[in-house]
Protein backbone atom coordinates (compact mmCIF):
# COMPACT_ATOMS: atom_id res chain seq x y z
CA MET A 1 136.26 118.22 117.99
CA THR A 2 134.07 117.82 121.07
CA THR A 3 134.75 116.29 124.39
CA THR A 4 132.45 114.48 126.78
CA ALA A 5 131.53 116.51 129.78
CA PRO A 6 132.76 115.10 133.10
CA ARG A 7 130.25 113.12 135.14
CA GLY A 8 128.30 115.36 137.45
CA THR A 9 128.41 114.95 141.19
CA GLY A 10 124.65 114.17 141.20
CA ALA A 11 125.10 110.97 139.20
CA ALA A 12 124.79 107.70 141.00
CA PRO A 13 128.01 105.67 141.10
CA PRO A 14 127.93 102.01 140.15
CA GLY A 15 126.21 99.71 142.62
CA SER A 16 127.77 96.82 144.39
CA GLY A 17 125.95 94.22 142.29
CA GLY A 18 124.07 92.79 145.19
CA GLY A 19 120.66 93.89 143.83
CA GLY A 20 120.29 96.75 146.33
CA THR A 21 119.91 100.45 145.70
CA ALA A 22 123.05 102.03 144.32
CA PRO A 23 124.73 104.66 146.59
CA GLY A 24 123.43 108.11 145.79
CA ARG A 25 120.26 106.87 144.09
CA ALA A 26 117.07 108.59 145.17
CA ALA A 27 115.13 106.66 147.83
CA ILE A 28 111.40 106.86 146.98
CA ALA A 29 109.05 105.87 149.75
CA ALA A 30 105.91 106.12 147.58
CA ARG A 31 104.58 102.97 145.96
CA THR A 32 104.66 104.68 142.53
CA LEU A 33 105.12 108.12 141.08
CA ARG A 34 102.61 107.42 138.36
CA THR A 35 99.77 109.93 138.23
CA ASP A 36 97.55 108.10 135.73
CA ARG A 37 94.82 105.61 136.66
CA TRP A 38 97.09 102.60 136.40
CA TRP A 39 94.72 100.63 138.69
CA VAL A 40 91.89 100.59 136.15
CA GLN A 41 93.21 97.78 133.97
CA PRO A 42 93.84 95.28 136.82
CA LEU A 43 90.50 96.23 138.35
CA VAL A 44 88.60 95.58 135.12
CA THR A 45 90.42 92.25 134.72
CA VAL A 46 89.41 91.15 138.21
CA VAL A 47 85.80 92.15 137.65
CA VAL A 48 85.47 90.40 134.30
CA LEU A 49 87.17 87.23 135.36
CA VAL A 50 85.21 87.03 138.64
CA LEU A 51 81.95 87.47 136.76
CA PHE A 52 82.85 84.81 134.26
CA ILE A 53 83.92 82.36 137.01
CA ALA A 54 80.72 82.99 138.93
CA TYR A 55 78.51 82.54 135.88
CA SER A 56 80.28 79.44 134.52
CA THR A 57 80.37 77.82 137.97
CA PHE A 58 76.65 78.38 138.46
CA ARG A 59 75.82 76.98 134.97
CA ALA A 60 78.09 74.00 135.43
CA PHE A 61 76.44 72.99 138.72
CA GLN A 62 72.94 73.92 137.63
CA ASN A 63 72.70 70.70 135.56
CA ALA A 64 69.74 72.01 133.59
CA TYR A 65 68.77 74.09 130.59
CA TYR A 66 71.86 73.28 128.60
CA PHE A 67 70.23 71.55 125.59
CA SER A 68 67.68 72.73 123.09
CA GLU A 69 67.42 70.64 119.92
CA PRO A 70 69.71 70.82 117.95
CA TYR A 71 71.94 72.93 120.18
CA ILE A 72 73.99 72.04 123.25
CA SER A 73 75.87 74.49 125.49
CA PRO A 74 79.64 74.50 125.04
CA PHE A 75 79.91 74.26 128.89
CA TYR A 76 78.41 70.73 128.60
CA SER A 77 80.08 69.63 125.36
CA PRO A 78 80.99 66.81 124.98
CA CYS A 79 78.15 65.41 127.15
CA ILE A 80 79.48 61.94 127.79
CA THR A 81 77.18 60.41 130.46
CA THR A 82 73.86 58.63 130.04
CA ARG A 83 72.21 61.33 132.15
CA CYS A 84 72.87 63.96 129.45
CA GLU A 85 69.99 65.66 127.72
CA GLY A 86 69.80 64.90 124.01
CA ASP A 87 72.07 62.50 122.11
CA SER A 88 74.63 64.84 120.56
CA PHE A 89 77.65 62.77 121.64
CA PRO A 90 78.31 59.09 122.51
CA GLU A 91 77.47 58.36 126.14
CA PHE A 92 80.34 56.47 127.78
CA PHE A 93 79.13 55.83 131.30
CA THR A 94 76.40 56.50 133.84
CA GLY A 95 77.31 59.02 136.45
CA PRO A 96 75.59 59.80 139.72
CA ALA A 97 72.48 61.93 139.33
CA TRP A 98 73.80 64.63 141.63
CA ILE A 99 76.92 65.23 139.53
CA SER A 100 76.40 67.59 136.59
CA PRO A 101 77.73 66.25 133.24
CA ALA A 102 79.71 69.46 132.89
CA ILE A 103 81.91 68.59 135.86
CA TYR A 104 83.50 65.72 134.05
CA ILE A 105 84.91 67.89 131.31
CA LEU A 106 85.26 71.25 133.01
CA VAL A 107 88.80 70.64 134.18
CA LEU A 108 90.23 70.54 130.63
CA PRO A 109 88.98 73.89 129.22
CA LEU A 110 89.58 75.43 132.69
CA GLY A 111 93.08 74.05 132.71
CA ILE A 112 94.17 75.69 129.49
CA ARG A 113 92.79 79.05 130.69
CA LEU A 114 94.48 78.88 134.04
CA THR A 115 97.83 77.82 132.66
CA CYS A 116 97.71 80.09 129.55
CA TYR A 117 100.76 82.35 129.26
CA TYR A 118 98.60 85.41 128.64
CA TYR A 119 96.14 84.68 131.46
CA ARG A 120 99.03 84.11 133.81
CA LYS A 121 100.10 87.70 133.21
CA ALA A 122 96.48 88.88 133.54
CA TYR A 123 95.72 87.31 136.91
CA TYR A 124 99.21 87.63 138.33
CA ARG A 125 98.88 91.41 137.90
CA SER A 126 95.21 91.74 138.86
CA PHE A 127 94.67 89.13 141.63
CA TRP A 128 98.15 88.69 143.08
CA LEU A 129 99.48 92.19 142.26
CA ALA A 130 102.74 90.76 141.00
CA PRO A 131 103.21 93.46 139.88
CA PRO A 132 99.88 95.33 139.46
CA ALA A 133 101.25 97.62 136.75
CA CYS A 134 104.43 98.90 135.14
CA ALA A 135 106.53 100.97 137.60
CA VAL A 136 104.23 100.12 140.48
CA ALA A 137 105.78 98.17 143.34
CA GLU A 138 104.26 94.87 144.29
CA PRO A 139 103.44 94.08 147.94
CA HIS A 140 105.23 90.69 148.02
CA ARG A 141 108.57 90.46 149.72
CA ARG A 142 109.77 87.34 147.93
CA TYR A 143 109.52 86.05 144.38
CA THR A 144 109.87 82.33 143.70
CA GLY A 145 108.43 82.32 140.21
CA GLU A 146 106.70 79.11 139.10
CA THR A 147 109.00 76.76 140.99
CA ARG A 148 106.74 75.93 143.95
CA PHE A 149 103.22 74.59 144.53
CA PRO A 150 100.72 75.55 143.21
CA LEU A 151 102.36 77.64 140.47
CA VAL A 152 104.68 74.81 139.44
CA GLY A 153 101.58 73.25 137.90
CA GLN A 154 101.67 75.91 135.21
CA ASN A 155 104.26 73.77 133.43
CA VAL A 156 101.58 71.32 132.22
CA HIS A 157 100.11 73.93 129.87
CA ARG A 158 101.22 72.10 126.78
CA TYR A 159 99.22 69.00 127.74
CA PHE A 160 96.10 71.08 128.37
CA LEU A 161 96.66 72.52 124.85
CA TYR A 162 96.49 69.00 123.38
CA ALA A 163 93.16 68.42 125.18
CA ALA A 164 91.90 71.84 124.06
CA LEU A 165 92.60 70.99 120.42
CA LEU A 166 90.53 67.85 120.80
CA PHE A 167 87.72 69.94 122.31
CA ASN A 168 87.94 72.30 119.38
CA VAL A 169 87.18 69.42 116.97
CA ILE A 170 84.20 68.40 119.14
CA LEU A 171 82.82 71.95 119.32
CA PHE A 172 82.94 72.20 115.49
CA TYR A 173 81.10 68.89 115.35
CA GLU A 174 78.43 70.18 117.71
CA ALA A 175 78.17 73.40 115.75
CA PHE A 176 77.68 71.56 112.42
CA ARG A 177 74.89 69.59 114.07
CA GLY A 178 73.16 72.90 114.34
CA PHE A 179 72.42 72.73 110.58
CA ARG A 180 69.27 70.78 111.56
CA ASP A 181 65.87 71.80 112.75
CA GLU A 182 64.04 70.76 115.89
CA THR A 183 62.99 67.48 114.27
CA GLY A 184 66.54 66.50 113.37
CA GLU A 185 66.17 67.17 109.62
CA TRP A 186 69.34 68.45 107.94
CA GLY A 187 69.64 71.43 105.65
CA HIS A 188 68.45 74.10 108.10
CA MET A 189 70.15 76.97 109.88
CA GLY A 190 69.29 79.21 112.74
CA LEU A 191 70.89 81.99 114.81
CA GLY A 192 72.07 79.33 117.25
CA THR A 193 74.02 77.71 114.45
CA VAL A 194 75.89 80.95 113.78
CA ILE A 195 76.57 81.57 117.48
CA LEU A 196 77.98 78.04 118.00
CA LEU A 197 80.08 78.28 114.84
CA VAL A 198 81.57 81.65 115.83
CA ASN A 199 82.34 80.30 119.27
CA ALA A 200 84.05 77.23 117.81
CA VAL A 201 86.13 79.44 115.51
CA MET A 202 87.18 81.81 118.26
CA LEU A 203 88.12 79.01 120.64
CA PHE A 204 90.11 77.36 117.86
CA LEU A 205 91.98 80.60 117.16
CA TYR A 206 92.65 81.00 120.85
CA SER A 207 94.12 77.48 120.93
CA ILE A 208 96.36 77.67 117.83
CA SER A 209 97.55 81.16 118.68
CA CYS A 210 98.93 79.83 121.97
CA HIS A 211 102.62 80.30 122.69
CA SER A 212 103.02 76.57 123.26
CA CYS A 213 101.49 75.85 119.89
CA ARG A 214 103.99 78.17 118.29
CA HIS A 215 106.80 76.30 119.91
CA ILE A 216 105.34 72.87 119.04
CA VAL A 217 105.10 73.90 115.38
CA GLY A 218 108.53 75.53 114.94
CA GLY A 219 110.51 74.86 118.16
CA ARG A 220 113.81 72.94 118.29
CA LEU A 221 114.65 73.75 114.67
CA ASN A 222 118.14 75.02 113.95
CA THR A 223 117.62 75.61 110.27
CA PHE A 224 114.18 76.63 108.99
CA SER A 225 115.31 76.22 105.32
CA LYS A 226 115.48 72.48 105.84
CA HIS A 227 111.92 72.40 107.05
CA PRO A 228 109.87 74.61 104.72
CA LEU A 229 106.51 73.28 105.71
CA ARG A 230 107.11 73.70 109.43
CA TYR A 231 108.49 77.17 108.71
CA LYS A 232 105.28 78.18 106.92
CA ALA A 233 103.21 76.79 109.73
CA TRP A 234 105.37 78.58 112.31
CA THR A 235 104.99 81.82 110.43
CA ALA A 236 101.20 81.49 110.33
CA VAL A 237 101.02 80.62 114.00
CA SER A 238 103.34 83.49 114.85
CA LYS A 239 101.01 85.97 113.20
CA LEU A 240 98.12 84.56 115.20
CA ASN A 241 100.21 84.58 118.36
CA ALA A 242 100.50 88.36 118.06
CA ARG A 243 96.75 88.52 118.69
CA HIS A 244 96.61 85.84 121.34
CA MET A 245 95.41 88.31 123.99
CA GLN A 246 92.49 89.44 121.80
CA TYR A 247 91.50 85.82 121.04
CA ALA A 248 91.69 84.95 124.73
CA TRP A 249 89.18 87.68 125.68
CA ILE A 250 86.93 87.30 122.70
CA SER A 251 86.61 83.53 123.13
CA LEU A 252 85.88 84.07 126.82
CA PHE A 253 82.82 86.14 125.88
CA THR A 254 81.75 83.94 122.99
CA VAL A 255 81.68 80.74 125.08
CA ALA A 256 79.64 82.45 127.81
CA PHE A 257 77.20 84.02 125.28
CA ALA A 258 76.78 80.68 123.45
CA ASP A 259 75.87 78.99 126.73
CA PHE A 260 73.47 81.88 127.61
CA TYR A 261 71.77 81.67 124.27
CA VAL A 262 71.17 77.94 124.67
CA PHE A 263 69.90 78.67 128.21
CA LEU A 264 67.32 81.14 126.85
CA LEU A 265 66.18 78.59 124.31
CA ALA A 266 65.99 75.75 126.83
CA THR A 267 63.94 77.80 129.30
CA GLY A 268 61.55 78.91 126.57
CA THR A 269 62.47 82.57 127.10
CA ILE A 270 63.10 83.07 123.40
CA SER A 271 62.71 81.12 120.18
CA ASP A 272 65.54 80.43 117.82
CA LEU A 273 65.63 82.71 114.77
CA ARG A 274 65.53 80.37 111.77
CA PHE A 275 67.09 81.48 108.51
CA PHE A 276 66.00 78.47 106.44
C-alpha cells in the first residue's frame, strides 16, 4: 500500500478565482520563455498575405490584360459589364470606364477570405498578435472577441460562403470554356485550360471544406441515424475540413498564378501551350 506524499511548500495554493495570478506562482516578466524561432510563422504569414493583397489589388485596378481568348482571369470572372474584354459571361450593365470590372465582384471572394475561420486565426496571430504564438503574451490589454466593430462583421461568413459557391460554379464554367482554341472552336485544350481547371477545383475544395459548410450540412441534427444522406455528406465534408488550412493556402496561390498566366498571354509575353 502506498500513500500520497504531502503537498510541498513550493506548490501554489488555489487562486481566488478572479483570473489573477495565484499566490505563490512565479511572476515572469519576460514576454515568453520560448527559445525557438516562434516568430517565423507569423512573419511568413504577414509577408505572403501582404504580397497577395498587393498583387491582387494592382491587378484589379489595372483594368487590362485579363482576357486572352479563350481564357479570362479569375480576378475578373464573372465579367458582368459591357466594358469587359471578350464575351465569356452575360453583360448586365454598363459601368463607368474608370471603374475596373473586377471591382464589382471583388468584395465577394475577398469577403469569404477575410471572414474565413482559418484566416481569422492566421491574421489575428500575424497582424494583430492576438496572440502571436502559443505561450507568447500578446500586447493587447483587453479582449472583446468578435463582439464589436469591425470584427462583429465576421458573423456574416456563412453568407459569403453562399456567394463563393456560386462563384465556384462560374469558375468551372469559365474553365470548361477553355476547351476551345483562339477561334472559338471546341475540342481543344491548352495549358491555360489545365491551370483554370486546377484553380476551380482548389477553390471549390476550399469552399466546401469550410467550417460553416460542415455546419450547414450536418448541423442542428440530434440523431444522425434518421438522416443517413446528411450524415454521409457531413462525414465527407468533415474529412475535407481537416485539410481546410491546406486548401486555403493552395487556392490562394492557384488563383494568383491563374491570373498571372492569363496576364502573360494577354501581354504577348508567352504563347499558350496547346495539347490538341
